[in-house]
Amino acid sequence: PGHRAVLASASPHLMQLFSTEDEKNSNRQAIVSYKLNGLY
């Protein structure tokens, strides 16, 4: 878990990911889940 603003400030990739999801979902819920695919 975390705060979007903090994580987006530390990671340009997460900033882009969150911004893209915001554009897709204008009615964002209080807590949003993101699945990170790759070598994490």
Full PDB file with SEQRES, HELIX, SHEET, SSBOND, CRYST1, ORIGX, SCALE, CONECT and MASTER records, all heavy atoms in Angstrom:
SEQRES   1 A   40  PRO GLY HIS ARG ALA VAL LEU ALA SER ALA SER PRO HIS          
SEQRES   2 A   40  LEU MET GLN LEU PHE SER THR GLU ASP GLU LYS ASN SER          
SEQRES   3 A   40  ASN ARG GLN ALA ILE VAL SER TYR LYS LEU ASN GLY LEU          
SEQRES   4 A   40  TYR                                                          
HELIX    1 AA1 ARG A    4  ALA A   10  1                                   7    
HELIX    2 AA2 PRO A   12  LYS A   24  1                                  13    
CRYST1    1.000    1.000    1.000  90.00  90.00  90.00 P 1           1          
ORIGX1      1.000000  0.000000  0.000000        0.00000                         
ORIGX2      0.000000  1.000000  0.000000        0.00000                         
ORIGX3      0.000000  0.000000  1.000000        0.00000                         
SCALE1      1.000000  0.000000  0.000000        0.00000                         
SCALE2      0.000000  1.000000  0.000000        0.00000                         
SCALE3      0.000000  0.000000  1.000000        0.00000                         
ATOM      1  N   PRO A   1       0.822  -1.206   0.000  1.00  0.00           N  
ATOM      2  CA  PRO A   1       0.000   0.000   0.000  1.00  0.00           C  
ATOM      3  C   PRO A   1       0.859   1.260   0.000  1.00  0.00           C  
ATOM      4  O   PRO A   1       2.055   1.217   0.314  1.00  0.00           O  
ATOM      5  CB  PRO A   1      -0.785  -0.124   1.306  1.00  0.00           C  
ATOM      6  CG  PRO A   1       0.155  -0.855   2.219  1.00  0.00           C  
ATOM      7  CD  PRO A   1       0.922  -1.814   1.335  1.00  0.00           C  
ATOM      8  N   GLY A   2       0.256   2.379  -0.356  1.00  0.00           N  
ATOM      9  CA  GLY A   2       0.989   3.639  -0.345  1.00  0.00           C  
ATOM     10  C   GLY A   2       0.112   4.796  -0.734  1.00  0.00           C  
ATOM     11  O   GLY A   2      -1.103   4.661  -0.919  1.00  0.00           O  
ATOM     12  N   HIS A   3       0.732   5.968  -0.818  1.00  0.00           N  
ATOM     13  CA  HIS A   3       0.047   7.194  -1.218  1.00  0.00           C  
ATOM     14  C   HIS A   3       0.481   7.554  -2.633  1.00  0.00           C  
ATOM     15  O   HIS A   3       1.670   7.666  -2.910  1.00  0.00           O  
ATOM     16  CB  HIS A   3       0.383   8.331  -0.248  1.00  0.00           C  
ATOM     17  CG  HIS A   3       0.037   8.023   1.174  1.00  0.00           C  
ATOM     18  ND1 HIS A   3       0.940   7.427   2.033  1.00  0.00           N  
ATOM     19  CD2 HIS A   3      -1.122   8.191   1.878  1.00  0.00           C  
ATOM     20  CE1 HIS A   3       0.368   7.274   3.219  1.00  0.00           C  
ATOM     21  NE2 HIS A   3      -0.887   7.729   3.153  1.00  0.00           N  
ATOM     22  N   ARG A   4      -0.479   7.749  -3.476  1.00  0.00           N  
ATOM     23  CA  ARG A   4      -0.181   8.017  -4.887  1.00  0.00           C  
ATOM     24  C   ARG A   4       0.759   9.201  -5.064  1.00  0.00           C  
ATOM     25  O   ARG A   4       1.695   9.162  -5.859  1.00  0.00           O  
ATOM     26  CB  ARG A   4      -1.483   8.294  -5.661  1.00  0.00           C  
ATOM     27  CG  ARG A   4      -2.310   7.072  -5.933  1.00  0.00           C  
ATOM     28  CD  ARG A   4      -3.765   7.415  -6.211  1.00  0.00           C  
ATOM     29  NE  ARG A   4      -3.915   8.511  -7.131  1.00  0.00           N  
ATOM     30  CZ  ARG A   4      -4.011   8.383  -8.466  1.00  0.00           C  
ATOM     31  NH1 ARG A   4      -3.972   7.171  -8.987  1.00  0.00           N  
ATOM     32  NH2 ARG A   4      -4.177   9.425  -9.238  1.00  0.00           N  
ATOM     33  N   ALA A   5       0.527  10.272  -4.342  1.00  0.00           N  
ATOM     34  CA  ALA A   5       1.332  11.481  -4.515  1.00  0.00           C  
ATOM     35  C   ALA A   5       2.793  11.232  -4.153  1.00  0.00           C  
ATOM     36  O   ALA A   5       3.706  11.708  -4.834  1.00  0.00           O  
ATOM     37  CB  ALA A   5       0.765  12.614  -3.658  1.00  0.00           C  
ATOM     38  N   VAL A   6       3.038  10.468  -3.090  1.00  0.00           N  
ATOM     39  CA  VAL A   6       4.417  10.190  -2.662  1.00  0.00           C  
ATOM     40  C   VAL A   6       5.115   9.295  -3.677  1.00  0.00           C  
ATOM     41  O   VAL A   6       6.251   9.564  -4.109  1.00  0.00           O  
ATOM     42  CB  VAL A   6       4.424   9.537  -1.265  1.00  0.00           C  
ATOM     43  CG1 VAL A   6       5.855   9.167  -0.864  1.00  0.00           C  
ATOM     44  CG2 VAL A   6       3.811  10.474  -0.240  1.00  0.00           C  
ATOM     45  N   LEU A   7       4.430   8.214  -4.055  1.00  0.00           N  
ATOM     46  CA  LEU A   7       5.055   7.274  -4.982  1.00  0.00           C  
ATOM     47  C   LEU A   7       5.280   7.894  -6.354  1.00  0.00           C  
ATOM     48  O   LEU A   7       6.304   7.653  -6.999  1.00  0.00           O  
ATOM     49  CB  LEU A   7       4.178   6.021  -5.112  1.00  0.00           C  
ATOM     50  CG  LEU A   7       3.973   5.217  -3.821  1.00  0.00           C  
ATOM     51  CD1 LEU A   7       3.066   4.018  -4.073  1.00  0.00           C  
ATOM     52  CD2 LEU A   7       5.309   4.763  -3.248  1.00  0.00           C  
ATOM     53  N   ALA A   8       4.330   8.693  -6.819  1.00  0.00           N  
ATOM     54  CA  ALA A   8       4.495   9.352  -8.116  1.00  0.00           C  
ATOM     55  C   ALA A   8       5.636  10.362  -8.082  1.00  0.00           C  
ATOM     56  O   ALA A   8       6.333  10.561  -9.079  1.00  0.00           O  
ATOM     57  CB  ALA A   8       3.198  10.040  -8.523  1.00  0.00           C  
ATOM     58  N   SER A   9       5.844  11.004  -6.931  1.00  0.00           N  
ATOM     59  CA  SER A   9       6.948  11.965  -6.808  1.00  0.00           C  
ATOM     60  C   SER A   9       8.295  11.278  -6.863  1.00  0.00           C  
ATOM     61  O   SER A   9       9.285  11.853  -7.338  1.00  0.00           O  
ATOM     62  CB  SER A   9       6.822  12.743  -5.487  1.00  0.00           C  
ATOM     63  OG  SER A   9       5.616  13.486  -5.446  1.00  0.00           O  
ATOM     64  N   ALA A  10       8.367  10.036  -6.378  1.00  0.00           N  
ATOM     65  CA  ALA A  10       9.645   9.318  -6.335  1.00  0.00           C  
ATOM     66  C   ALA A  10       9.934   8.545  -7.613  1.00  0.00           C  
ATOM     67  O   ALA A  10      11.097   8.289  -7.934  1.00  0.00           O  
ATOM     68  CB  ALA A  10       9.658   8.351  -5.149  1.00  0.00           C  
ATOM     69  N   SER A  11       8.870   8.164  -8.364  1.00  0.00           N  
ATOM     70  CA  SER A  11       9.048   7.311  -9.544  1.00  0.00           C  
ATOM     71  C   SER A  11       8.350   7.901 -10.759  1.00  0.00           C  
ATOM     72  O   SER A  11       7.113   7.920 -10.813  1.00  0.00           O  
ATOM     73  CB  SER A  11       8.494   5.909  -9.275  1.00  0.00           C  
ATOM     74  OG  SER A  11       8.365   5.173 -10.466  1.00  0.00           O  
ATOM     75  N   PRO A  12       9.108   8.371 -11.769  1.00  0.00           N  
ATOM     76  CA  PRO A  12       8.483   8.864 -13.004  1.00  0.00           C  
ATOM     77  C   PRO A  12       7.617   7.807 -13.691  1.00  0.00           C  
ATOM     78  O   PRO A  12       6.612   8.140 -14.315  1.00  0.00           O  
ATOM     79  CB  PRO A  12       9.685   9.262 -13.873  1.00  0.00           C  
ATOM     80  CG  PRO A  12      10.777   9.557 -12.889  1.00  0.00           C  
ATOM     81  CD  PRO A  12      10.552   8.603 -11.752  1.00  0.00           C  
ATOM     82  N   HIS A  13       7.999   6.543 -13.560  1.00  0.00           N  
ATOM     83  CA  HIS A  13       7.190   5.488 -14.187  1.00  0.00           C  
ATOM     84  C   HIS A  13       5.818   5.381 -13.527  1.00  0.00           C  
ATOM     85  O   HIS A  13       4.791   5.260 -14.203  1.00  0.00           O  
ATOM     86  CB  HIS A  13       7.917   4.153 -14.105  1.00  0.00           C  
ATOM     87  CG  HIS A  13       7.102   2.995 -14.610  1.00  0.00           C  
ATOM     88  ND1 HIS A  13       6.633   2.925 -15.901  1.00  0.00           N  
ATOM     89  CD2 HIS A  13       6.647   1.875 -13.979  1.00  0.00           C  
ATOM     90  CE1 HIS A  13       5.942   1.806 -16.063  1.00  0.00           C  
ATOM     91  NE2 HIS A  13       5.932   1.155 -14.911  1.00  0.00           N  
ATOM     92  N   LEU A  14       5.799   5.418 -12.193  1.00  0.00           N  
ATOM     93  CA  LEU A  14       4.518   5.367 -11.496  1.00  0.00           C  
ATOM     94  C   LEU A  14       3.701   6.621 -11.764  1.00  0.00           C  
ATOM     95  O   LEU A  14       2.472   6.562 -11.864  1.00  0.00           O  
ATOM     96  CB  LEU A  14       4.743   5.177  -9.998  1.00  0.00           C  
ATOM     97  CG  LEU A  14       5.333   3.818  -9.582  1.00  0.00           C  
ATOM     98  CD1 LEU A  14       5.513   3.762  -8.075  1.00  0.00           C  
ATOM     99  CD2 LEU A  14       4.464   2.665 -10.066  1.00  0.00           C  
ATOM    100  N   MET A  15       4.359   7.766 -11.873  1.00  0.00           N  
ATOM    101  CA  MET A  15       3.657   8.994 -12.221  1.00  0.00           C  
ATOM    102  C   MET A  15       2.918   8.834 -13.548  1.00  0.00           C  
ATOM    103  O   MET A  15       1.738   9.188 -13.679  1.00  0.00           O  
ATOM    104  CB  MET A  15       4.655  10.150 -12.315  1.00  0.00           C  
ATOM    105  CG  MET A  15       4.097  11.433 -12.931  1.00  0.00           C  
ATOM    106  SD  MET A  15       2.938  12.290 -11.865  1.00  0.00           S  
ATOM    107  CE  MET A  15       4.091  13.196 -10.834  1.00  0.00           C  
ATOM    108  N   GLN A  16       3.590   8.264 -14.534  1.00  0.00           N  
ATOM    109  CA  GLN A  16       2.964   8.047 -15.835  1.00  0.00           C  
ATOM    110  C   GLN A  16       1.839   7.014 -15.743  1.00  0.00           C  
ATOM    111  O   GLN A  16       0.771   7.177 -16.340  1.00  0.00           O  
ATOM    112  CB  GLN A  16       4.015   7.590 -16.843  1.00  0.00           C  
ATOM    113  CG  GLN A  16       3.480   7.375 -18.249  1.00  0.00           C  
ATOM    114  CD  GLN A  16       4.565   6.906 -19.215  1.00  0.00           C  
ATOM    115  OE1 GLN A  16       5.682   6.613 -18.809  1.00  0.00           O  
ATOM    116  NE2 GLN A  16       4.231   6.837 -20.486  1.00  0.00           N  
ATOM    117  N   LEU A  17       2.068   5.962 -14.976  1.00  0.00           N  
ATOM    118  CA  LEU A  17       1.069   4.916 -14.826  1.00  0.00           C  
ATOM    119  C   LEU A  17      -0.190   5.451 -14.159  1.00  0.00           C  
ATOM    120  O   LEU A  17      -1.314   5.225 -14.629  1.00  0.00           O  
ATOM    121  CB  LEU A  17       1.649   3.752 -14.011  1.00  0.00           C  
ATOM    122  CG  LEU A  17       0.736   2.551 -13.758  1.00  0.00           C  
ATOM    123  CD1 LEU A  17       0.339   1.890 -15.060  1.00  0.00           C  
ATOM    124  CD2 LEU A  17       1.419   1.555 -12.825  1.00  0.00           C  
ATOM    125  N   PHE A  18      -0.026   6.206 -13.070  1.00  0.00           N  
ATOM    126  CA  PHE A  18      -1.175   6.760 -12.369  1.00  0.00           C  
ATOM    127  C   PHE A  18      -1.918   7.759 -13.241  1.00  0.00           C  
ATOM    128  O   PHE A  18      -3.160   7.794 -13.264  1.00  0.00           O  
ATOM    129  CB  PHE A  18      -0.730   7.441 -11.070  1.00  0.00           C  
ATOM    130  CG  PHE A  18      -0.098   6.526 -10.069  1.00  0.00           C  
ATOM    131  CD1 PHE A  18       0.689   7.031  -9.045  1.00  0.00           C  
ATOM    132  CD2 PHE A  18      -0.283   5.142 -10.133  1.00  0.00           C  
ATOM    133  CE1 PHE A  18       1.274   6.192  -8.110  1.00  0.00           C  
ATOM    134  CE2 PHE A  18       0.302   4.296  -9.208  1.00  0.00           C  
ATOM    135  CZ  PHE A  18       1.092   4.826  -8.196  1.00  0.00           C  
ATOM    136  N   SER A  19      -1.174   8.598 -13.956  1.00  0.00           N  
ATOM    137  CA  SER A  19      -1.798   9.610 -14.807  1.00  0.00           C  
ATOM    138  C   SER A  19      -2.609   8.966 -15.918  1.00  0.00           C  
ATOM    139  O   SER A  19      -3.711   9.409 -16.252  1.00  0.00           O  
ATOM    140  CB  SER A  19      -0.735  10.537 -15.398  1.00  0.00           C  
ATOM    141  OG  SER A  19      -0.012  11.188 -14.377  1.00  0.00           O  
ATOM    142  N   THR A  20      -2.070   7.907 -16.500  1.00  0.00           N  
ATOM    143  CA  THR A  20      -2.775   7.204 -17.577  1.00  0.00           C  
ATOM    144  C   THR A  20      -4.073   6.592 -17.077  1.00  0.00           C  
ATOM    145  O   THR A  20      -5.120   6.672 -17.726  1.00  0.00           O  
ATOM    146  CB  THR A  20      -1.879   6.108 -18.181  1.00  0.00           C  
ATOM    147  OG1 THR A  20      -0.676   6.701 -18.658  1.00  0.00           O  
ATOM    148  CG2 THR A  20      -2.580   5.400 -19.323  1.00  0.00           C  
ATOM    149  N   GLU A  21      -4.013   5.989 -15.885  1.00  0.00           N  
ATOM    150  CA  GLU A  21      -5.214   5.379 -15.322  1.00  0.00           C  
ATOM    151  C   GLU A  21      -6.257   6.427 -14.977  1.00  0.00           C  
ATOM    152  O   GLU A  21      -7.456   6.212 -15.123  1.00  0.00           O  
ATOM    153  CB  GLU A  21      -4.849   4.558 -14.081  1.00  0.00           C  
ATOM    154  CG  GLU A  21      -4.084   3.282 -14.400  1.00  0.00           C  
ATOM    155  CD  GLU A  21      -4.899   2.320 -15.246  1.00  0.00           C  
ATOM    156  OE1 GLU A  21      -6.129   2.251 -15.070  1.00  0.00           O  
ATOM    157  OE2 GLU A  21      -4.302   1.646 -16.110  1.00  0.00           O  
ATOM    158  N   ASP A  22      -5.802   7.610 -14.501  1.00  0.00           N  
ATOM    159  CA  ASP A  22      -6.736   8.694 -14.191  1.00  0.00           C  
ATOM    160  C   ASP A  22      -7.493   9.138 -15.429  1.00  0.00           C  
ATOM    161  O   ASP A  22      -8.687   9.453 -15.390  1.00  0.00           O  
ATOM    162  CB  ASP A  22      -5.988   9.876 -13.579  1.00  0.00           C  
ATOM    163  CG  ASP A  22      -5.706   9.656 -12.102  1.00  0.00           C  
ATOM    164  OD1 ASP A  22      -6.188   8.650 -11.545  1.00  0.00           O  
ATOM    165  OD2 ASP A  22      -4.995  10.486 -11.511  1.00  0.00           O  
ATOM    166  N   GLU A  23      -6.779   9.192 -16.567  1.00  0.00           N  
ATOM    167  CA  GLU A  23      -7.428   9.599 -17.813  1.00  0.00           C  
ATOM    168  C   GLU A  23      -8.463   8.567 -18.256  1.00  0.00           C  
ATOM    169  O   GLU A  23      -9.510   8.905 -18.803  1.00  0.00           O  
ATOM    170  CB  GLU A  23      -6.383   9.806 -18.902  1.00  0.00           C  
ATOM    171  CG  GLU A  23      -5.468  10.987 -18.641  1.00  0.00           C  
ATOM    172  CD  GLU A  23      -4.360  11.075 -19.682  1.00  0.00           C  
ATOM    173  OE1 GLU A  23      -4.343  10.227 -20.591  1.00  0.00           O  
ATOM    174  OE2 GLU A  23      -3.535  11.989 -19.572  1.00  0.00           O  
ATOM    175  N   LYS A  24      -8.180   7.311 -17.985  1.00  0.00           N  
ATOM    176  CA  LYS A  24      -9.105   6.251 -18.379  1.00  0.00           C  
ATOM    177  C   LYS A  24     -10.321   6.200 -17.459  1.00  0.00           C  
ATOM    178  O   LYS A  24     -11.431   5.906 -17.897  1.00  0.00           O  
ATOM    179  CB  LYS A  24      -8.387   4.891 -18.369  1.00  0.00           C  
ATOM    180  CG  LYS A  24      -7.306   4.737 -19.419  1.00  0.00           C  
ATOM    181  CD  LYS A  24      -6.673   3.361 -19.314  1.00  0.00           C  
ATOM    182  CE  LYS A  24      -5.589   3.171 -20.360  1.00  0.00           C  
ATOM    183  NZ  LYS A  24      -4.936   1.846 -20.236  1.00  0.00           N  
ATOM    184  N   ASN A  25     -10.096   6.444 -16.160  1.00  0.00           N  
ATOM    185  CA  ASN A  25     -11.165   6.308 -15.173  1.00  0.00           C  
ATOM    186  C   ASN A  25     -11.375   7.637 -14.460  1.00  0.00           C  
ATOM    187  O   ASN A  25     -10.679   7.945 -13.489  1.00  0.00           O  
ATOM    188  CB  ASN A  25     -10.816   5.212 -14.155  1.00  0.00           C  
ATOM    189  CG  ASN A  25     -10.531   3.877 -14.826  1.00  0.00           C  
ATOM    190  OD1 ASN A  25     -11.386   3.328 -15.502  1.00  0.00           O  
ATOM    191  ND2 ASN A  25      -9.325   3.361 -14.636  1.00  0.00           N  
ATOM    192  N   SER A  26     -12.313   8.427 -14.947  1.00  0.00           N  
ATOM    193  CA  SER A  26     -12.569   9.737 -14.344  1.00  0.00           C  
ATOM    194  C   SER A  26     -13.178   9.600 -12.955  1.00  0.00           C  
ATOM    195  O   SER A  26     -12.940  10.425 -12.071  1.00  0.00           O  
ATOM    196  CB  SER A  26     -13.495  10.553 -15.252  1.00  0.00           C  
ATOM    197  OG  SER A  26     -14.704   9.843 -15.486  1.00  0.00           O  
ATOM    198  N   ASN A  27     -13.966   8.544 -12.727  1.00  0.00           N  
ATOM    199  CA  ASN A  27     -14.576   8.319 -11.415  1.00  0.00           C  
ATOM    200  C   ASN A  27     -13.705   7.359 -10.612  1.00  0.00           C  
ATOM    201  O   ASN A  27     -14.025   6.185 -10.416  1.00  0.00           O  
ATOM    202  CB  ASN A  27     -15.992   7.752 -11.577  1.00  0.00           C  
ATOM    203  CG  ASN A  27     -16.904   8.710 -12.315  1.00  0.00           C  
ATOM    204  OD1 ASN A  27     -16.811   9.923 -12.117  1.00  0.00           O  
ATOM    205  ND2 ASN A  27     -17.788   8.167 -13.148  1.00  0.00           N  
ATOM    206  N   ARG A  28     -12.580   7.852 -10.163  1.00  0.00           N  
ATOM    207  CA  ARG A  28     -11.629   6.994  -9.448  1.00  0.00           C  
ATOM    208  C   ARG A  28     -12.129   6.699  -8.049  1.00  0.00           C  
ATOM    209  O   ARG A  28     -12.659   7.570  -7.361  1.00  0.00           O  
ATOM    210  CB  ARG A  28     -10.255   7.674  -9.395  1.00  0.00           C  
ATOM    211  CG  ARG A  28      -9.177   6.806  -8.787  1.00  0.00           C  
ATOM    212  CD  ARG A  28      -7.814   7.453  -8.939  1.00  0.00           C  
ATOM    213  NE  ARG A  28      -7.781   8.755  -8.300  1.00  0.00           N  
ATOM    214  CZ  ARG A  28      -7.536   8.927  -6.998  1.00  0.00           C  
ATOM    215  NH1 ARG A  28      -7.355   7.865  -6.219  1.00  0.00           N  
ATOM    216  NH2 ARG A  28      -7.495  10.130  -6.483  1.00  0.00           N  
ATOM    217  N   GLN A  29     -11.936   5.443  -7.614  1.00  0.00           N  
ATOM    218  CA  GLN A  29     -12.325   5.050  -6.269  1.00  0.00           C  
ATOM    219  C   GLN A  29     -11.331   5.584  -5.248  1.00  0.00           C  
ATOM    220  O   GLN A  29     -10.259   6.080  -5.589  1.00  0.00           O  
ATOM    221  CB  GLN A  29     -12.406   3.524  -6.181  1.00  0.00           C  
ATOM    222  CG  GLN A  29     -13.412   2.895  -7.143  1.00  0.00           C  
ATOM    223  CD  GLN A  29     -13.358   1.388  -7.104  1.00  0.00           C  
ATOM    224  OE1 GLN A  29     -12.505   0.812  -6.439  1.00  0.00           O  
ATOM    225  NE2 GLN A  29     -14.291   0.756  -7.806  1.00  0.00           N  
ATOM    226  N   ALA A  30     -11.677   5.454  -3.985  1.00  0.00           N  
ATOM    227  CA  ALA A  30     -10.807   5.959  -2.916  1.00  0.00           C  
ATOM    228  C   ALA A  30      -9.465   5.249  -2.921  1.00  0.00           C  
ATOM    229  O   ALA A  30      -8.417   5.876  -2.742  1.00  0.00           O  
ATOM    230  CB  ALA A  30     -11.496   5.798  -1.565  1.00  0.00           C  
ATOM    231  N   ILE A  31      -9.476   3.946  -3.104  1.00  0.00           N  
ATOM    232  CA  ILE A  31      -8.240   3.170  -3.167  1.00  0.00           C  
ATOM    233  C   ILE A  31      -8.213   2.428  -4.498  1.00  0.00           C  
ATOM    234  O   ILE A  31      -9.153   1.702  -4.824  1.00  0.00           O  
ATOM    235  CB  ILE A  31      -8.146   2.169  -1.999  1.00  0.00           C  
ATOM    236  CG1 ILE A  31      -8.150   2.912  -0.653  1.00  0.00           C  
ATOM    237  CG2 ILE A  31      -6.877   1.337  -2.130  1.00  0.00           C  
ATOM    238  CD1 ILE A  31      -8.083   2.001   0.546  1.00  0.00           C  
ATOM    239  N   VAL A  32      -7.139   2.620  -5.246  1.00  0.00           N  
ATOM    240  CA  VAL A  32      -7.008   2.011  -6.565  1.00  0.00           C  
ATOM    241  C   VAL A  32      -5.864   1.009  -6.537  1.00  0.00           C  
ATOM    242  O   VAL A  32      -4.795   1.287  -5.970  1.00  0.00           O  
ATOM    243  CB  VAL A  32      -6.760   3.073  -7.654  1.00  0.00           C  
ATOM    244  CG1 VAL A  32      -6.656   2.420  -9.027  1.00  0.00           C  
ATOM    245  CG2 VAL A  32      -7.863   4.109  -7.629  1.00  0.00           C  
ATOM    246  N   SER A  33      -6.070  -0.143  -7.146  1.00  0.00           N  
ATOM    247  CA  SER A  33      -5.035  -1.177  -7.229  1.00  0.00           C  
ATOM    248  C   SER A  33      -4.389  -1.149  -8.605  1.00  0.00           C  
ATOM    249  O   SER A  33      -5.074  -0.989  -9.620  1.00  0.00           O  
ATOM    250  CB  SER A  33      -5.639  -2.559  -6.963  1.00  0.00           C  
ATOM    251  OG  SER A  33      -6.143  -2.635  -5.645  1.00  0.00           O  
ATOM    252  N   TYR A  34      -3.065  -1.326  -8.623  1.00  0.00           N  
ATOM    253  CA  TYR A  34      -2.308  -1.381  -9.876  1.00  0.00           C  
ATOM    254  C   TYR A  34      -1.483  -2.667  -9.878  1.00  0.00           C  
ATOM    255  O   TYR A  34      -0.756  -2.950  -8.921  1.00  0.00           O  
ATOM    256  CB  TYR A  34      -1.367  -0.182 -10.015  1.00  0.00           C  
ATOM    257  CG  TYR A  34      -2.078   1.137 -10.167  1.00  0.00           C  
ATOM    258  CD1 TYR A  34      -2.399   1.896  -9.048  1.00  0.00           C  
ATOM    259  CD2 TYR A  34      -2.422   1.614 -11.423  1.00  0.00           C  
ATOM    260  CE1 TYR A  34      -3.050   3.110  -9.179  1.00  0.00           C  
ATOM    261  CE2 TYR A  34      -3.081   2.821 -11.565  1.00  0.00           C  
ATOM    262  CZ  TYR A  34      -3.390   3.567 -10.439  1.00  0.00           C  
ATOM    263  OH  TYR A  34      -4.047   4.763 -10.567  1.00  0.00           O  
ATOM    264  N   LYS A  35      -1.581  -3.402 -10.952  1.00  0.00           N  
ATOM    265  CA  LYS A  35      -0.784  -4.617 -11.108  1.00  0.00           C  
ATOM    266  C   LYS A  35       0.449  -4.284 -11.933  1.00  0.00           C  
ATOM    267  O   LYS A  35       0.349  -3.826 -13.068  1.00  0.00           O  
ATOM    268  CB  LYS A  35      -1.596  -5.717 -11.786  1.00  0.00           C  
ATOM    269  CG  LYS A  35      -0.841  -7.038 -11.890  1.00  0.00           C  
ATOM    270  CD  LYS A  35      -1.699  -8.124 -12.525  1.00  0.00           C  
ATOM    271  CE  LYS A  35      -0.949  -9.444 -12.603  1.00  0.00           C  
ATOM    272  NZ  LYS A  35      -1.763 -10.505 -13.242  1.00  0.00           N  
ATOM    273  N   LEU A  36       1.620  -4.515 -11.337  1.00  0.00           N  
ATOM    274  CA  LEU A  36       2.885  -4.244 -12.015  1.00  0.00           C  
ATOM    275  C   LEU A  36       3.394  -5.539 -12.627  1.00  0.00           C  
ATOM    276  O   LEU A  36       3.705  -6.496 -11.908  1.00  0.00           O  
ATOM    277  CB  LEU A  36       3.913  -3.679 -11.034  1.00  0.00           C  
ATOM    278  CG  LEU A  36       3.534  -2.364 -10.339  1.00  0.00           C  
ATOM    279  CD1 LEU A  36       4.654  -1.922  -9.405  1.00  0.00           C  
ATOM    280  CD2 LEU A  36       3.232  -1.285 -11.361  1.00  0.00           C  
ATOM    281  N   ASN A  37       3.475  -5.574 -13.945  1.00  0.00           N  
ATOM    282  CA  ASN A  37       3.975  -6.754 -14.651  1.00  0.00           C  
ATOM    283  C   ASN A  37       5.419  -6.531 -15.055  1.00  0.00           C  
ATOM    284  O   ASN A  37       5.777  -5.466 -15.542  1.00  0.00           O  
ATOM    285  CB  ASN A  37       3.134  -7.036 -15.898  1.00  0.00           C  
ATOM    286  CG  ASN A  37       1.684  -7.330 -15.542  1.00  0.00           C  
ATOM    287  OD1 ASN A  37       1.424  -8.046 -14.580  1.00  0.00           O  
ATOM    288  ND2 ASN A  37       0.760  -6.770 -16.296  1.00  0.00           N  
ATOM    289  N   GLY A  38       6.226  -7.523 -14.856  1.00  0.00           N  
ATOM    290  CA  GLY A  38       7.629  -7.397 -15.224  1.00  0.00           C  
ATOM    291  C   GLY A  38       8.502  -8.055 -14.177  1.00  0.00           C  
ATOM    292  O   GLY A  38       8.050  -8.890 -13.385  1.00  0.00           O  
ATOM    293  N   LEU A  39       9.774  -7.672 -14.149  1.00  0.00           N  
ATOM    294  CA  LEU A  39      10.737  -8.290 -13.234  1.00  0.00           C  
ATOM    295  C   LEU A  39      10.743  -7.564 -11.891  1.00  0.00           C  
ATOM    296  O   LEU A  39      11.760  -7.024 -11.463  1.00  0.00           O  
ATOM    297  CB  LEU A  39      12.128  -8.292 -13.862  1.00  0.00           C  
ATOM    298  CG  LEU A  39      12.238  -9.034 -15.193  1.00  0.00           C  
ATOM    299  CD1 LEU A  39      13.637  -8.910 -15.764  1.00  0.00           C  
ATOM    300  CD2 LEU A  39      11.879 -10.502 -15.011  1.00  0.00           C  
ATOM    301  N   TYR A  40       9.579  -7.530 -11.236  1.00  0.00           N  
ATOM    302  CA  TYR A  40       9.463  -6.895  -9.928  1.00  0.00           C  
ATOM    303  C   TYR A  40       9.440  -7.973  -8.846  1.00  0.00           C  
ATOM    304  O   TYR A  40       8.606  -8.885  -8.888  1.00  0.00           O  
ATOM    305  CB  TYR A  40       8.178  -6.073  -9.823  1.00  0.00           C  
ATOM    306  CG  TYR A  40       8.134  -4.858 -10.719  1.00  0.00           C  
ATOM    307  CD1 TYR A  40       7.533  -4.916 -11.970  1.00  0.00           C  
ATOM    308  CD2 TYR A  40       8.681  -3.657 -10.314  1.00  0.00           C  
ATOM    309  CE1 TYR A  40       7.470  -3.809 -12.787  1.00  0.00           C  
ATOM    310  CE2 TYR A  40       8.627  -2.533 -11.123  1.00  0.00           C  
ATOM    311  CZ  TYR A  40       8.023  -2.616 -12.365  1.00  0.00           C  
ATOM    312  OH  TYR A  40       7.971  -1.521 -13.171  1.00  0.00           O  
TER     313      TYR A  40                                                      
MASTER        0    0    0    2    0    0    0    6  312    1    0    4          
END                                                                             
